[in-house]
C-alpha atoms as a PDB file:
ATOM      1  CA  MET A   1     274.310 162.167 -26.876  1.00  0.00           C
ATOM      2  CA  ASP A   2     274.279 158.477 -27.968  1.00  0.00           C
ATOM      3  CA  HIS A   3     277.433 156.637 -29.081  1.00  0.00           C
ATOM      4  CA  MET A   4     276.775 157.024 -32.822  1.00  0.00           C
ATOM      5  CA  MET A   5     276.212 160.785 -32.534  1.00  0.00           C
ATOM      6  CA  LEU A   6     279.328 161.049 -30.386  1.00  0.00           C
ATOM      7  CA  ALA A   7     281.358 159.176 -32.987  1.00  0.00           C
ATOM      8  CA  ARG A   8     280.086 161.398 -35.809  1.00  0.00           C
ATOM      9  CA  HIS A   9     280.837 164.517 -33.744  1.00  0.00           C
ATOM     10  CA  TYR A  10     284.480 163.615 -33.224  1.00  0.00           C
ATOM     11  CA  MET A  11     284.936 162.430 -36.812  1.00  0.00           C
ATOM     12  CA  PHE A  12     283.624 165.820 -38.031  1.00  0.00           C
ATOM     13  CA  GLN A  13     285.864 167.735 -35.632  1.00  0.00           C
ATOM     14  CA  TYR A  14     288.917 165.774 -36.754  1.00  0.00           C
ATOM     15  CA  ALA A  15     288.081 166.304 -40.448  1.00  0.00           C
ATOM     16  CA  LYS A  16     288.061 170.086 -39.880  1.00  0.00           C
ATOM     17  CA  SER A  17     291.326 170.127 -37.937  1.00  0.00           C
ATOM     18  CA  PRO A  18     294.815 170.355 -39.525  1.00  0.00           C
ATOM     19  CA  LYS A  19     296.255 166.944 -40.324  1.00  0.00           C
ATOM     20  CA  VAL A  20     298.953 167.321 -37.675  1.00  0.00           C
ATOM     21  CA  ILE A  21     299.009 164.825 -34.848  1.00  0.00           C
ATOM     22  CA  THR A  22     298.543 166.733 -31.611  1.00  0.00           C
ATOM     23  CA  VAL A  23     297.493 165.634 -28.173  1.00  0.00           C
ATOM     24  CA  ALA A  24     294.043 167.062 -28.842  1.00  0.00           C
ATOM     25  CA  SER A  25     293.609 165.385 -32.241  1.00  0.00           C
ATOM     26  CA  LEU A  26     294.923 162.059 -30.955  1.00  0.00           C
ATOM     27  CA  SER A  27     292.498 162.253 -28.051  1.00  0.00           C
ATOM     28  CA  ALA A  28     289.655 162.954 -30.482  1.00  0.00           C
ATOM     29  CA  LEU A  29     290.583 159.881 -32.576  1.00  0.00           C
ATOM     30  CA  VAL A  30     290.712 157.643 -29.501  1.00  0.00           C
ATOM     31  CA  THR A  31     287.347 158.914 -28.310  1.00  0.00           C
ATOM     32  CA  CYS A  32     285.909 158.366 -31.801  1.00  0.00           C
ATOM     33  CA  ALA A  33     287.195 154.793 -31.907  1.00  0.00           C
ATOM     34  CA  PHE A  34     285.745 154.067 -28.478  1.00  0.00           C
ATOM     35  CA  ALA A  35     282.385 155.506 -29.465  1.00  0.00           C
ATOM     36  CA  LEU A  36     282.275 153.360 -32.605  1.00  0.00           C
ATOM     37  CA  THR A  37     283.225 150.312 -30.557  1.00  0.00           C
ATOM     38  CA  MET A  38     280.381 150.895 -28.128  1.00  0.00           C
ATOM     39  CA  THR A  39     277.967 151.519 -31.001  1.00  0.00           C
ATOM     40  CA  LEU A  40     278.798 148.253 -32.755  1.00  0.00           C
ATOM     41  CA  GLY A  41     278.973 146.200 -29.561  1.00  0.00           C
ATOM     42  CA  TYR A  42     282.347 144.610 -30.385  1.00  0.00           C
ATOM     43  CA  MET A  43     285.943 145.195 -29.496  1.00  0.00           C
ATOM     44  CA  PRO A  44     289.170 143.762 -30.935  1.00  0.00           C
ATOM     45  CA  ASN A  45     290.906 141.108 -28.887  1.00  0.00           C
ATOM     46  CA  THR A  46     294.263 139.348 -29.047  1.00  0.00           C
ATOM     47  CA  ARG A  47     295.181 137.076 -31.934  1.00  0.00           C
ATOM     48  CA  ASP A  48     294.651 133.363 -31.758  1.00  0.00           C
ATOM     49  CA  THR A  49     297.441 130.794 -32.013  1.00  0.00           C
ATOM     50  CA  ASN A  50     297.103 130.695 -35.795  1.00  0.00           C
ATOM     51  CA  GLY A  51     297.657 134.444 -36.070  1.00  0.00           C
ATOM     52  CA  ALA A  52     294.111 135.240 -37.210  1.00  0.00           C
ATOM     53  CA  ALA A  53     292.490 138.312 -35.675  1.00  0.00           C
ATOM     54  CA  ARG A  54     289.390 137.628 -33.658  1.00  0.00           C
ATOM     55  CA  VAL A  55     286.692 139.943 -32.391  1.00  0.00           C
ATOM     56  CA  THR A  56     284.696 139.136 -29.282  1.00  0.00           C
ATOM     57  CA  ARG A  57     281.355 140.501 -28.205  1.00  0.00           C
ATOM     58  CA  LEU A  58     281.313 142.778 -25.215  1.00  0.00           C
ATOM     59  CA  SER A  59     279.804 141.438 -22.000  1.00  0.00           C
ATOM     60  CA  GLY A  60     276.036 141.148 -22.283  1.00  0.00           C
ATOM     61  CA  GLY A  61     276.051 140.855 -26.071  1.00  0.00           C
ATOM     62  CA  SER A  62     275.679 137.089 -26.396  1.00  0.00           C
ATOM     63  CA  VAL A  63     274.092 135.628 -29.521  1.00  0.00           C
ATOM     64  CA  GLY A  64     273.574 132.270 -27.800  1.00  0.00           C
ATOM     65  CA  TRP A  65     274.471 128.633 -28.327  1.00  0.00           C
ATOM     66  CA  THR A  66     271.864 126.245 -29.753  1.00  0.00           C
ATOM     67  CA  ASP A  67     272.194 122.774 -28.224  1.00  0.00           C
ATOM     68  CA  LEU A  68     271.771 120.093 -30.896  1.00  0.00           C
ATOM     69  CA  GLY A  69     272.104 117.242 -28.389  1.00  0.00           C
ATOM     70  CA  ASP A  70     274.060 113.989 -28.297  1.00  0.00           C
ATOM     71  CA  LYS A  71     275.301 112.755 -31.671  1.00  0.00           C
ATOM     72  CA  GLY A  72     276.443 109.239 -30.879  1.00  0.00           C
ATOM     73  CA  ARG A  73     278.841 107.320 -28.662  1.00  0.00           C
ATOM     74  CA  ASN A  74     280.786 104.084 -28.802  1.00  0.00           C
ATOM     75  CA  GLN A  75     283.005 101.907 -26.630  1.00  0.00           C
ATOM     76  CA  SER A  76     285.691  99.282 -27.018  1.00  0.00           C
ATOM     77  CA  LYS A  77     286.849  96.660 -24.524  1.00  0.00           C
ATOM     78  CA  THR A  78     289.230  95.060 -27.032  1.00  0.00           C
ATOM     79  CA  SER A  79     292.938  95.615 -26.447  1.00  0.00           C
ATOM     80  CA  GLY A  80     294.000  98.352 -28.881  1.00  0.00           C
ATOM     81  CA  SER A  81     294.519 102.101 -29.211  1.00  0.00           C
ATOM     82  CA  THR A  82     291.442 103.322 -31.113  1.00  0.00           C
ATOM     83  CA  VAL A  83     287.672 103.525 -30.908  1.00  0.00           C
ATOM     84  CA  SER A  84     285.428 105.263 -33.463  1.00  0.00           C
ATOM     85  CA  VAL A  85     281.880 106.598 -33.570  1.00  0.00           C
ATOM     86  CA  SER A  86     279.676 107.684 -36.490  1.00  0.00           C
ATOM     87  CA  PRO A  87     277.342 110.667 -36.012  1.00  0.00           C
ATOM     88  CA  THR A  88     273.711 109.686 -35.508  1.00  0.00           C
ATOM     89  CA  SER A  89     272.658 112.496 -37.877  1.00  0.00           C
ATOM     90  CA  ASN A  90     274.399 114.592 -40.517  1.00  0.00           C
ATOM     91  CA  LEU A  91     276.360 117.512 -39.054  1.00  0.00           C
ATOM     92  CA  SER A  92     276.642 120.490 -41.397  1.00  0.00           C
ATOM     93  CA  ALA A  93     279.671 122.732 -41.883  1.00  0.00           C
ATOM     94  CA  ASN A  94     280.145 125.299 -39.082  1.00  0.00           C
ATOM     95  CA  THR A  95     278.565 123.007 -36.476  1.00  0.00           C
ATOM     96  CA  VAL A  96     280.534 123.009 -33.213  1.00  0.00           C
ATOM     97  CA  VAL A  97     281.119 119.415 -32.093  1.00  0.00           C
ATOM     98  CA  ILE A  98     282.433 118.333 -28.697  1.00  0.00           C
ATOM     99  CA  ALA A  99     284.105 114.930 -28.254  1.00  0.00           C
ATOM    100  CA  ALA A 100     284.044 113.525 -24.715  1.00  0.00           C
ATOM    101  CA  CYS A 101     286.691 110.811 -24.340  1.00  0.00           C
ATOM    102  CA  VAL A 102     287.619 108.401 -21.557  1.00  0.00           C
ATOM    103  CA  SER A 103     290.072 105.501 -21.328  1.00  0.00           C
ATOM    104  CA  LYS A 104     292.336 103.533 -19.061  1.00  0.00           C
ATOM    105  CA  PRO A 105     295.572 105.499 -18.558  1.00  0.00           C
ATOM    106  CA  VAL A 106     298.807 105.301 -20.479  1.00  0.00           C
ATOM    107  CA  SER A 107     300.723 107.721 -18.255  1.00  0.00           C
ATOM    108  CA  ASP A 108     301.778 106.556 -14.778  1.00  0.00           C
ATOM    109  CA  THR A 109     301.415 109.872 -12.921  1.00  0.00           C
ATOM    110  CA  ASN A 110     298.465 112.009 -11.851  1.00  0.00           C
ATOM    111  CA  GLY A 111     297.789 115.307 -13.594  1.00  0.00           C
ATOM    112  CA  GLN A 112     297.392 116.821 -17.050  1.00  0.00           C
ATOM    113  CA  THR A 113     298.368 114.539 -19.924  1.00  0.00           C
ATOM    114  CA  THR A 114     298.383 114.471 -23.727  1.00  0.00           C
ATOM    115  CA  ASP A 115     297.725 110.763 -24.314  1.00  0.00           C
ATOM    116  CA  HIS A 116     294.470 111.174 -26.264  1.00  0.00           C
ATOM    117  CA  GLY A 117     294.074 112.319 -29.848  1.00  0.00           C
ATOM    118  CA  VAL A 118     290.895 112.907 -31.871  1.00  0.00           C
ATOM    119  CA  THR A 119     290.506 112.902 -35.668  1.00  0.00           C
ATOM    120  CA  ASP A 120     287.680 112.398 -38.149  1.00  0.00           C
ATOM    121  CA  SER A 121     287.356 110.833 -41.582  1.00  0.00           C
ATOM    122  CA  ASP A 122     286.842 114.222 -43.264  1.00  0.00           C
ATOM    123  CA  GLY A 123     290.049 115.778 -41.973  1.00  0.00           C
ATOM    124  CA  ASN A 124     288.536 118.426 -39.688  1.00  0.00           C
ATOM    125  CA  GLY A 125     290.966 119.770 -37.095  1.00  0.00           C
ATOM    126  CA  TRP A 126     290.201 118.981 -33.442  1.00  0.00           C
ATOM    127  CA  THR A 127     291.470 120.990 -30.460  1.00  0.00           C
ATOM    128  CA  ARG A 128     292.144 119.483 -27.042  1.00  0.00           C
ATOM    129  CA  LEU A 129     290.303 121.593 -24.450  1.00  0.00           C
ATOM    130  CA  ARG A 130     291.542 119.631 -21.422  1.00  0.00           C
ATOM    131  CA  GLU A 131     292.936 116.199 -20.536  1.00  0.00           C
ATOM    132  CA  HIS A 132     293.686 114.725 -17.109  1.00  0.00           C
ATOM    133  CA  THR A 133     294.751 111.372 -15.635  1.00  0.00           C
ATOM    134  CA  ARG A 134     294.368 109.677 -12.247  1.00  0.00           C
ATOM    135  CA  VAL A 135     296.385 106.513 -11.541  1.00  0.00           C
ATOM    136  CA  GLU A 136     296.003 106.132  -7.762  1.00  0.00           C
ATOM    137  CA  GLY A 137     293.030 104.698  -5.893  1.00  0.00           C
ATOM    138  CA  LEU A 138     290.209 102.373  -6.893  1.00  0.00           C
ATOM    139  CA  GLY A 139     290.229 102.378 -10.686  1.00  0.00           C
ATOM    140  CA  GLU A 140     292.488 104.384 -13.001  1.00  0.00           C
ATOM    141  CA  VAL A 141     291.251 106.736 -15.706  1.00  0.00           C
ATOM    142  CA  THR A 142     292.109 109.380 -18.299  1.00  0.00           C
ATOM    143  CA  GLY A 143     289.472 111.836 -19.518  1.00  0.00           C
ATOM    144  CA  SER A 144     289.593 114.518 -22.200  1.00  0.00           C
ATOM    145  CA  LEU A 145     287.343 117.068 -23.930  1.00  0.00           C
ATOM    146  CA  TRP A 146     287.844 118.097 -27.575  1.00  0.00           C
ATOM    147  CA  VAL A 147     286.179 120.571 -29.940  1.00  0.00           C
ATOM    148  CA  THR A 148     285.974 121.309 -33.647  1.00  0.00           C
ATOM    149  CA  GLN A 149     283.969 123.711 -35.765  1.00  0.00           C
ATOM    150  CA  LEU A 150     283.378 121.721 -38.905  1.00  0.00           C
ATOM    151  CA  GLY A 151     284.956 123.013 -42.074  1.00  0.00           C
ATOM    152  CA  TYR A 152     283.334 120.118 -43.915  1.00  0.00           C
ATOM    153  CA  GLU A 153     280.174 118.303 -42.895  1.00  0.00           C
ATOM    154  CA  LEU A 154     280.215 114.968 -41.116  1.00  0.00           C
ATOM    155  CA  SER A 155     277.606 112.531 -42.384  1.00  0.00           C
ATOM    156  CA  THR A 156     276.326 109.392 -40.722  1.00  0.00           C
ATOM    157  CA  SER A 157     278.776 107.394 -42.847  1.00  0.00           C
ATOM    158  CA  ASP A 158     281.759 109.354 -41.521  1.00  0.00           C
ATOM    159  CA  SER A 159     283.537 108.620 -38.249  1.00  0.00           C
ATOM    160  CA  VAL A 160     285.280 110.358 -35.376  1.00  0.00           C
ATOM    161  CA  THR A 161     288.140 108.425 -33.779  1.00  0.00           C
ATOM    162  CA  LEU A 162     289.758 108.522 -30.354  1.00  0.00           C
ATOM    163  CA  THR A 163     293.379 107.357 -30.497  1.00  0.00           C
ATOM    164  CA  VAL A 164     295.164 106.532 -27.237  1.00  0.00           C
ATOM    165  CA  ALA A 165     298.956 106.881 -27.151  1.00  0.00           C
ATOM    166  CA  ASN A 166     299.392 103.188 -26.351  1.00  0.00           C
ATOM    167  CA  THR A 167     297.356  99.996 -26.254  1.00  0.00           C
ATOM    168  CA  VAL A 168     294.658  99.910 -23.588  1.00  0.00           C
ATOM    169  CA  GLU A 169     291.585  97.762 -23.108  1.00  0.00           C
ATOM    170  CA  ALA A 170     288.811 100.155 -22.068  1.00  0.00           C
ATOM    171  CA  LYS A 171     288.117 103.313 -24.110  1.00  0.00           C
ATOM    172  CA  ALA A 172     285.002 105.230 -25.173  1.00  0.00           C
ATOM    173  CA  ILE A 173     284.021 108.356 -27.093  1.00  0.00           C
ATOM    174  CA  GLY A 174     280.829 110.419 -27.289  1.00  0.00           C
ATOM    175  CA  LEU A 175     279.771 113.359 -29.480  1.00  0.00           C
ATOM    176  CA  HIS A 176     277.611 116.381 -28.630  1.00  0.00           C
ATOM    177  CA  ALA A 177     276.848 119.271 -31.009  1.00  0.00           C
ATOM    178  CA  PHE A 178     275.998 122.977 -30.863  1.00  0.00           C
ATOM    179  CA  SER A 179     275.247 125.558 -33.524  1.00  0.00           C
ATOM    180  CA  LEU A 180     276.017 129.275 -33.710  1.00  0.00           C
ATOM    181  CA  PRO A 181     274.682 131.922 -36.108  1.00  0.00           C
ATOM    182  CA  THR A 182     276.462 132.348 -39.434  1.00  0.00           C
ATOM    183  CA  GLY A 183     279.740 134.210 -39.024  1.00  0.00           C
ATOM    184  CA  TYR A 184     280.329 133.120 -35.434  1.00  0.00           C
ATOM    185  CA  GLY A 185     282.884 130.709 -34.044  1.00  0.00           C
ATOM    186  CA  TRP A 186     284.212 129.663 -30.662  1.00  0.00           C
ATOM    187  CA  ASN A 187     287.064 130.639 -28.388  1.00  0.00           C
ATOM    188  CA  GLN A 188     288.198 128.902 -25.201  1.00  0.00           C
ATOM    189  CA  ALA A 189     287.796 131.276 -22.257  1.00  0.00           C
ATOM    190  CA  GLY A 190     289.436 128.909 -19.771  1.00  0.00           C
ATOM    191  CA  GLY A 191     289.853 125.378 -18.493  1.00  0.00           C
ATOM    192  CA  ASN A 192     290.767 123.476 -15.348  1.00  0.00           C
ATOM    193  CA  SER A 193     290.942 119.899 -14.108  1.00  0.00           C
ATOM    194  CA  ALA A 194     291.434 117.977 -10.877  1.00  0.00           C
ATOM    195  CA  ASP A 195     291.757 114.404  -9.605  1.00  0.00           C
ATOM    196  CA  GLY A 196     291.242 112.564  -6.349  1.00  0.00           C
ATOM    197  CA  ASP A 197     290.221 109.389  -4.557  1.00  0.00           C
ATOM    198  CA  SER A 198     286.887 109.838  -2.765  1.00  0.00           C
ATOM    199  CA  ASN A 199     283.129 109.587  -3.308  1.00  0.00           C
ATOM    200  CA  SER A 200     282.856 113.198  -4.562  1.00  0.00           C
ATOM    201  CA  ALA A 201     284.497 114.559  -7.717  1.00  0.00           C
ATOM    202  CA  SER A 202     284.727 118.321  -8.126  1.00  0.00           C
ATOM    203  CA  VAL A 203     286.599 120.994 -10.111  1.00  0.00           C
ATOM    204  CA  MET A 204     286.429 124.798 -10.087  1.00  0.00           C
ATOM    205  CA  LEU A 205     287.191 127.207 -12.939  1.00  0.00           C
ATOM    206  CA  SER A 206     287.646 130.883 -12.054  1.00  0.00           C
ATOM    207  CA  ASN A 207     289.125 134.245 -13.090  1.00  0.00           C
ATOM    208  CA  LEU A 208     287.119 134.519 -16.315  1.00  0.00           C
ATOM    209  CA  ALA A 209     285.576 137.646 -17.798  1.00  0.00           C
ATOM    210  CA  ASN A 210     282.154 138.410 -16.329  1.00  0.00           C
ATOM    211  CA  ALA A 211     280.271 137.349 -19.455  1.00  0.00           C
ATOM    212  CA  GLU A 212     278.071 134.545 -20.720  1.00  0.00           C
ATOM    213  CA  HIS A 213     280.021 131.320 -21.293  1.00  0.00           C
ATOM    214  CA  LEU A 214     279.183 127.812 -22.414  1.00  0.00           C
ATOM    215  CA  TRP A 215     280.517 125.709 -19.523  1.00  0.00           C
ATOM    216  CA  ILE A 216     281.266 122.030 -20.261  1.00  0.00           C
ATOM    217  CA  GLY A 217     282.119 119.688 -17.399  1.00  0.00           C
ATOM    218  CA  MET A 218     282.955 115.993 -17.240  1.00  0.00           C
ATOM    219  CA  THR A 219     283.727 113.614 -14.399  1.00  0.00           C
ATOM    220  CA  CYS A 220     285.510 110.321 -15.138  1.00  0.00           C
ATOM    221  CA  ILE A 221     286.091 107.167 -13.109  1.00  0.00           C
ATOM    222  CA  GLY A 222     287.833 103.880 -13.857  1.00  0.00           C
ATOM    223  CA  TYR A 223     285.460 101.559 -12.042  1.00  0.00           C
ATOM    224  CA  THR A 224     281.753 100.739 -12.386  1.00  0.00           C
ATOM    225  CA  ILE A 225     280.232 102.615  -9.450  1.00  0.00           C
ATOM    226  CA  ALA A 226     276.807 104.222  -9.427  1.00  0.00           C
ATOM    227  CA  SER A 227     276.425 107.991  -9.420  1.00  0.00           C
ATOM    228  CA  SER A 228     274.459 109.382  -6.497  1.00  0.00           C
ATOM    229  CA  GLY A 229     274.025 112.857  -7.954  1.00  0.00           C
ATOM    230  CA  THR A 230     275.351 115.034 -10.786  1.00  0.00           C
ATOM    231  CA  ASP A 231     275.626 118.812 -10.464  1.00  0.00           C
ATOM    232  CA  PRO A 232     271.980 120.032 -10.655  1.00  0.00           C
ATOM    233  CA  ASP A 233     272.977 123.249 -12.453  1.00  0.00           C
ATOM    234  CA  TYR A 234     274.154 121.291 -15.507  1.00  0.00           C
ATOM    235  CA  ASP A 235     272.278 119.519 -18.307  1.00  0.00           C
ATOM    236  CA  ILE A 236     273.508 115.936 -18.425  1.00  0.00           C
ATOM    237  CA  TRP A 237     274.628 114.365 -21.708  1.00  0.00           C
ATOM    238  CA  GLY A 238     274.592 110.654 -22.443  1.00  0.00           C
ATOM    239  CA  VAL A 239     277.103 108.681 -20.365  1.00  0.00           C
ATOM    240  CA  VAL A 240     280.307 107.767 -22.238  1.00  0.00           C
ATOM    241  CA  ASN A 241     281.403 104.400 -20.850  1.00  0.00           C
ATOM    242  CA  THR A 242     282.409 100.793 -21.289  1.00  0.00           C
ATOM    243  CA  THR A 243     280.507  97.865 -19.837  1.00  0.00           C
ATOM    244  CA  GLY A 244     281.089  94.258 -18.781  1.00  0.00           C
ATOM    245  CA  ASP A 245     283.021  92.357 -16.140  1.00  0.00           C
ATOM    246  CA  PRO A 246     285.141  92.789 -14.176  1.00  0.00           C
ATOM    247  CA  LEU A 247     283.884  96.134 -12.846  1.00  0.00           C
ATOM    248  CA  SER A 248     287.462  97.383 -12.452  1.00  0.00           C
ATOM    249  CA  SER A 249     288.046  96.996 -16.204  1.00  0.00           C
ATOM    250  CA  ASN A 250     285.600  99.757 -17.140  1.00  0.00           C
ATOM    251  CA  VAL A 251     285.758 103.527 -17.578  1.00  0.00           C
ATOM    252  CA  ILE A 252     282.867 105.988 -17.214  1.00  0.00           C
ATOM    253  CA  GLY A 253     282.658 109.606 -18.334  1.00  0.00           C
ATOM    254  CA  GLY A 254     279.785 111.875 -17.333  1.00  0.00           C
ATOM    255  CA  PRO A 255     279.731 115.047 -19.499  1.00  0.00           C
ATOM    256  CA  ALA A 256     277.276 117.928 -19.038  1.00  0.00           C
ATOM    257  CA  ASP A 257     276.900 121.620 -19.909  1.00  0.00           C
ATOM    258  CA  ARG A 258     275.267 124.896 -18.929  1.00  0.00           C
ATOM    259  CA  VAL A 259     275.139 128.443 -20.316  1.00  0.00           C
ATOM    260  CA  TYR A 260     275.885 130.799 -17.433  1.00  0.00           C
ATOM    261  CA  THR A 261     277.069 134.375 -16.955  1.00  0.00           C
ATOM    262  CA  GLY A 262     279.808 134.648 -14.356  1.00  0.00           C
ATOM    263  CA  THR A 263     283.518 134.701 -13.598  1.00  0.00           C
ATOM    264  CA  SER A 264     283.680 131.251 -11.978  1.00  0.00           C
ATOM    265  CA  ASP A 265     281.818 127.981 -11.608  1.00  0.00           C
ATOM    266  CA  THR A 266     282.188 124.521 -10.082  1.00  0.00           C
ATOM    267  CA  PHE A 267     281.209 121.172 -11.578  1.00  0.00           C
ATOM    268  CA  SER A 268     280.770 118.103  -9.394  1.00  0.00           C
ATOM    269  CA  GLU A 269     279.415 114.576  -9.136  1.00  0.00           C
ATOM    270  CA  ASP A 270     278.938 112.266  -6.164  1.00  0.00           C
ATOM    271  CA  TYR A 271     279.285 108.470  -6.117  1.00  0.00           C
ATOM    272  CA  THR A 272     277.936 105.731  -3.877  1.00  0.00           C
ATOM    273  CA  ASP A 273     281.487 104.607  -2.977  1.00  0.00           C
ATOM    274  CA  ALA A 274     284.955 106.101  -2.930  1.00  0.00           C
ATOM    275  CA  CYS A 275     286.939 105.718  -6.158  1.00  0.00           C
ATOM    276  CA  ALA A 276     289.667 107.362  -8.209  1.00  0.00           C
ATOM    277  CA  TRP A 277     288.235 110.239 -10.275  1.00  0.00           C
ATOM    278  CA  VAL A 278     289.093 112.977 -12.737  1.00  0.00           C
ATOM    279  CA  ALA A 279     287.025 116.155 -13.195  1.00  0.00           C
ATOM    280  CA  LEU A 280     287.290 118.550 -16.156  1.00  0.00           C
ATOM    281  CA  LEU A 281     285.677 121.969 -16.640  1.00  0.00           C
ATOM    282  CA  VAL A 282     286.096 124.277 -19.654  1.00  0.00           C
ATOM    283  CA  ALA A 283     284.371 127.474 -20.778  1.00  0.00           C
ATOM    284  CA  LEU A 284     283.755 128.529 -24.392  1.00  0.00           C
ATOM    285  CA  ASP A 285     282.761 131.922 -25.799  1.00  0.00           C
ATOM    286  CA  GLU A 286     281.133 132.706 -29.137  1.00  0.00           C
ATOM    287  CA  VAL A 287     283.200 135.034 -31.331  1.00  0.00           C
ATOM    288  CA  SER A 288     282.387 137.004 -34.456  1.00  0.00           C
ATOM    289  CA  GLY A 289     284.524 137.930 -37.455  1.00  0.00           C
ATOM    290  CA  ALA A 290     287.428 135.561 -38.129  1.00  0.00           C
ATOM    291  CA  LEU A 291     286.704 132.102 -36.708  1.00  0.00           C
ATOM    292  CA  PRO A 292     289.644 131.010 -34.507  1.00  0.00           C
ATOM    293  CA  ASN A 293     290.767 127.389 -34.727  1.00  0.00           C
ATOM    294  CA  ARG A 294     288.142 126.655 -37.361  1.00  0.00           C
ATOM    295  CA  ALA A 295     288.824 123.477 -39.310  1.00  0.00           C
ATOM    296  CA  ARG A 296     289.757 123.808 -42.955  1.00  0.00           C
ATOM    297  CA  LYS A 297     287.965 121.936 -45.675  1.00  0.00           C
ATOM    298  CA  ARG A 298     289.653 118.797 -46.829  1.00  0.00           C
ATOM    299  CA  SER A 299     290.907 118.386 -50.385  1.00  0.00           C
ATOM    300  CA  ARG A 300     288.313 116.870 -52.654  1.00  0.00           C
END
């Protein structure tokens, strides 16, 4: 008996039974609900931070992410706290946009920080996926990854701005976009970050549901050193960096992504020389129904 027939069977049996809650009738209702869940391919999940119910697809039911590619990047080597970039093409409402950000540090300790902020000229809400700082070793750097699902389109005349908590010289921002089918949004499945001082940057993210995730990784350094190899499992985005002399005044971010089914993954990059580095790795899932953390349209 398939799931739909099973659901109908228990619904019919419950309709015939007295409307008194018994162990048998309660069991029938639970079995009916499970059968309907399996038939539809969805199950209810916890509520997001805004209190909106979300529904996630069961493992194996992915609808897929469509990679729209890089959508612009910009740098600033002028002492200040902001740098902005305009999209290279119009980005319609519901597009999922990732901002990859890198700067010289404001904080004076290694570890997770909250020194970056991202906004846009249309008032879409941006969510920090991960931020990390390294202040020891050759070069110092802060890197962060941000996401929004546009409530209002961004045109080529709009801008997305990275704001650092204090004045720094080197800072850069890059945009990358994805689309999902109508009625789908995103949810963060997990995130991790690490730092070190060596010629190999690496971070591992584990303990996720065994399902298809969009994995986004980024390595960051605070010195102009050549890469000798980025993780071959990942599709590399455009480098987000500053340029010019001296080499120690620059920052470089190397973002990349892959769609992969699994409970864990590692993202890494090797360099020709030892340097201070930060590595970030986050995983996103597509969700149906209510769109968690979706930006609201601005007032017109």
